[in-house]
């Protein structure tokens, strides 16, 4: 059974930082690209970042470029998202997911339909 466990969310002030983690079990983590998504209340889930299987290539949506950094440790089956210079508009539930369509590659722009094995998410709240 595939399980994705996100952690690291919390409440921080604007300008602060958080580091999200996503630990995978029950799948060949090293075989897949991984994506980060977020969903704010009343809005659709949006893809914000993707990293290829080896970690050699990363992709970011414009709104987080220069502030967020995605990385992975394949020895620990863990995906990370370092978030700096956080803004109130970053407030959302954050999810990691497996690139079921792209396999080892990221398909861009990110579409929820191309990803699966969603975790429960971790809440990020940024106060102004």
Protein backbone atom coordinates (compact mmCIF):
# COMPACT_ATOMS: atom_id res chain seq x y z
CA UNK A 1 0.00 0.00 0.00
CA UNK A 2 1.40 3.35 -1.07
CA UNK A 3 1.47 6.04 1.59
CA UNK A 4 2.63 9.63 1.38
CA UNK A 5 3.10 11.54 4.60
CA UNK A 6 3.54 15.30 4.47
CA UNK A 7 4.81 17.26 7.46
CA UNK A 8 6.40 20.54 8.40
CA UNK A 9 3.51 22.92 7.96
CA UNK A 10 2.56 25.54 10.51
CA UNK A 11 1.76 29.15 11.22
CA UNK A 12 4.45 31.70 10.46
CA UNK A 13 4.61 35.42 9.84
CA UNK A 14 5.03 36.85 6.39
CA UNK A 15 8.67 36.81 5.39
CA UNK A 16 9.36 33.67 7.37
CA UNK A 17 10.38 30.20 6.25
CA UNK A 18 9.15 26.64 6.47
CA UNK A 19 10.51 23.33 5.26
CA UNK A 20 8.00 20.74 4.22
CA UNK A 21 8.80 17.04 4.05
CA UNK A 22 7.05 14.20 2.30
CA UNK A 23 7.98 10.63 3.15
CA UNK A 24 6.86 7.86 0.81
CA UNK A 25 6.38 4.19 1.52
CA UNK A 26 5.10 1.29 -0.49
CA UNK A 27 6.41 2.42 -3.88
CA UNK A 28 9.65 2.73 -5.77
CA UNK A 29 10.23 6.34 -4.76
CA UNK A 30 13.48 6.49 -6.70
CA UNK A 31 11.65 5.57 -9.93
CA UNK A 32 9.36 8.59 -10.08
CA UNK A 33 9.37 12.32 -10.44
CA UNK A 34 7.56 14.00 -7.56
CA UNK A 35 5.36 17.07 -7.37
CA UNK A 36 4.23 19.56 -4.77
CA UNK A 37 0.73 20.96 -4.96
CA UNK A 38 -1.30 23.33 -2.83
CA UNK A 39 -4.94 24.12 -2.35
CA UNK A 40 -6.28 27.25 -0.75
CA UNK A 41 -9.85 27.43 0.58
CA UNK A 42 -12.32 27.83 -2.26
CA UNK A 43 -9.69 27.34 -4.94
CA UNK A 44 -8.58 24.48 -7.13
CA UNK A 45 -5.50 22.47 -6.31
CA UNK A 46 -2.52 23.89 -8.16
CA UNK A 47 0.83 22.37 -8.98
CA UNK A 48 3.72 24.49 -7.77
CA UNK A 49 6.87 22.44 -8.18
CA UNK A 50 8.23 19.22 -9.60
CA UNK A 51 11.52 17.37 -9.38
CA UNK A 52 12.67 14.58 -11.65
CA UNK A 53 13.60 11.12 -10.47
CA UNK A 54 17.29 11.90 -10.08
CA UNK A 55 16.75 15.43 -8.84
CA UNK A 56 18.69 16.84 -11.77
CA UNK A 57 15.81 18.99 -12.98
CA UNK A 58 13.34 21.08 -11.03
CA UNK A 59 10.36 23.17 -12.08
CA UNK A 60 8.46 25.96 -10.35
CA UNK A 61 5.34 27.93 -10.99
CA UNK A 62 6.03 31.65 -11.37
CA UNK A 63 4.46 32.62 -8.05
CA UNK A 64 7.03 30.63 -6.05
CA UNK A 65 10.10 30.90 -8.28
CA UNK A 66 13.03 32.30 -6.38
CA UNK A 67 11.41 31.64 -3.00
CA UNK A 68 10.78 27.87 -2.93
CA UNK A 69 13.29 25.08 -3.49
CA UNK A 70 12.35 21.45 -4.08
CA UNK A 71 14.77 18.64 -3.32
CA UNK A 72 14.75 14.94 -2.60
CA UNK A 73 16.77 12.32 -0.76
CA UNK A 74 16.23 9.02 -2.53
CA UNK A 75 18.07 7.15 0.22
CA UNK A 76 15.38 8.28 2.65
CA UNK A 77 12.39 8.15 0.27
CA UNK A 78 11.78 11.75 1.18
CA UNK A 79 10.83 14.86 -0.76
CA UNK A 80 11.37 18.38 0.56
CA UNK A 81 10.10 21.85 -0.13
CA UNK A 82 12.05 24.73 1.38
CA UNK A 83 9.84 27.80 1.44
CA UNK A 84 11.37 31.21 2.09
CA UNK A 85 10.02 34.75 2.02
CA UNK A 86 6.55 33.41 2.65
CA UNK A 87 3.54 35.54 1.79
CA UNK A 88 -0.06 35.46 3.03
CA UNK A 89 -1.09 34.20 -0.41
CA UNK A 90 0.99 31.07 0.20
CA UNK A 91 -1.56 30.01 2.80
CA UNK A 92 -2.93 26.63 1.71
CA UNK A 93 -2.90 22.92 2.33
CA UNK A 94 0.23 21.49 0.73
CA UNK A 95 0.38 18.04 -0.83
CA UNK A 96 3.02 15.87 -2.42
CA UNK A 97 2.21 13.39 -5.16
CA UNK A 98 3.79 10.87 -7.49
CA UNK A 99 4.19 11.56 -11.21
CA UNK A 100 2.18 8.58 -12.42
CA UNK A 101 1.92 9.88 -16.00
CA UNK A 102 5.43 11.26 -16.42
CA UNK A 103 7.21 8.52 -14.55
CA UNK A 104 10.76 9.71 -14.02
CA UNK A 105 10.04 13.01 -15.77
CA UNK A 106 8.02 16.06 -14.83
CA UNK A 107 5.15 16.99 -17.11
CA UNK A 108 4.77 20.77 -17.15
CA UNK A 109 2.54 22.53 -16.41
CA UNK A 110 1.62 20.32 -13.52
CA UNK A 111 -1.83 18.83 -13.68
CA UNK A 112 -3.43 16.96 -10.82
CA UNK A 113 -4.65 14.31 -13.27
CA UNK A 114 -1.03 13.34 -14.02
CA UNK A 115 -0.23 12.71 -10.37
CA UNK A 116 -1.46 10.29 -7.76
CA UNK A 117 -0.93 8.68 -4.40
CA UNK A 118 -1.91 11.86 -2.59
CA UNK A 119 -1.16 12.28 1.07
CA UNK A 120 -3.32 14.00 3.66
CA UNK A 121 -1.48 17.27 3.25
CA UNK A 122 0.08 19.68 5.68
CA UNK A 123 -1.41 23.10 6.45
CA UNK A 124 0.64 26.22 5.88
CA UNK A 125 -0.73 29.48 7.23
CA UNK A 126 1.03 32.78 6.74
CA UNK A 127 -0.01 35.76 8.81
CA UNK A 128 0.46 39.31 7.57
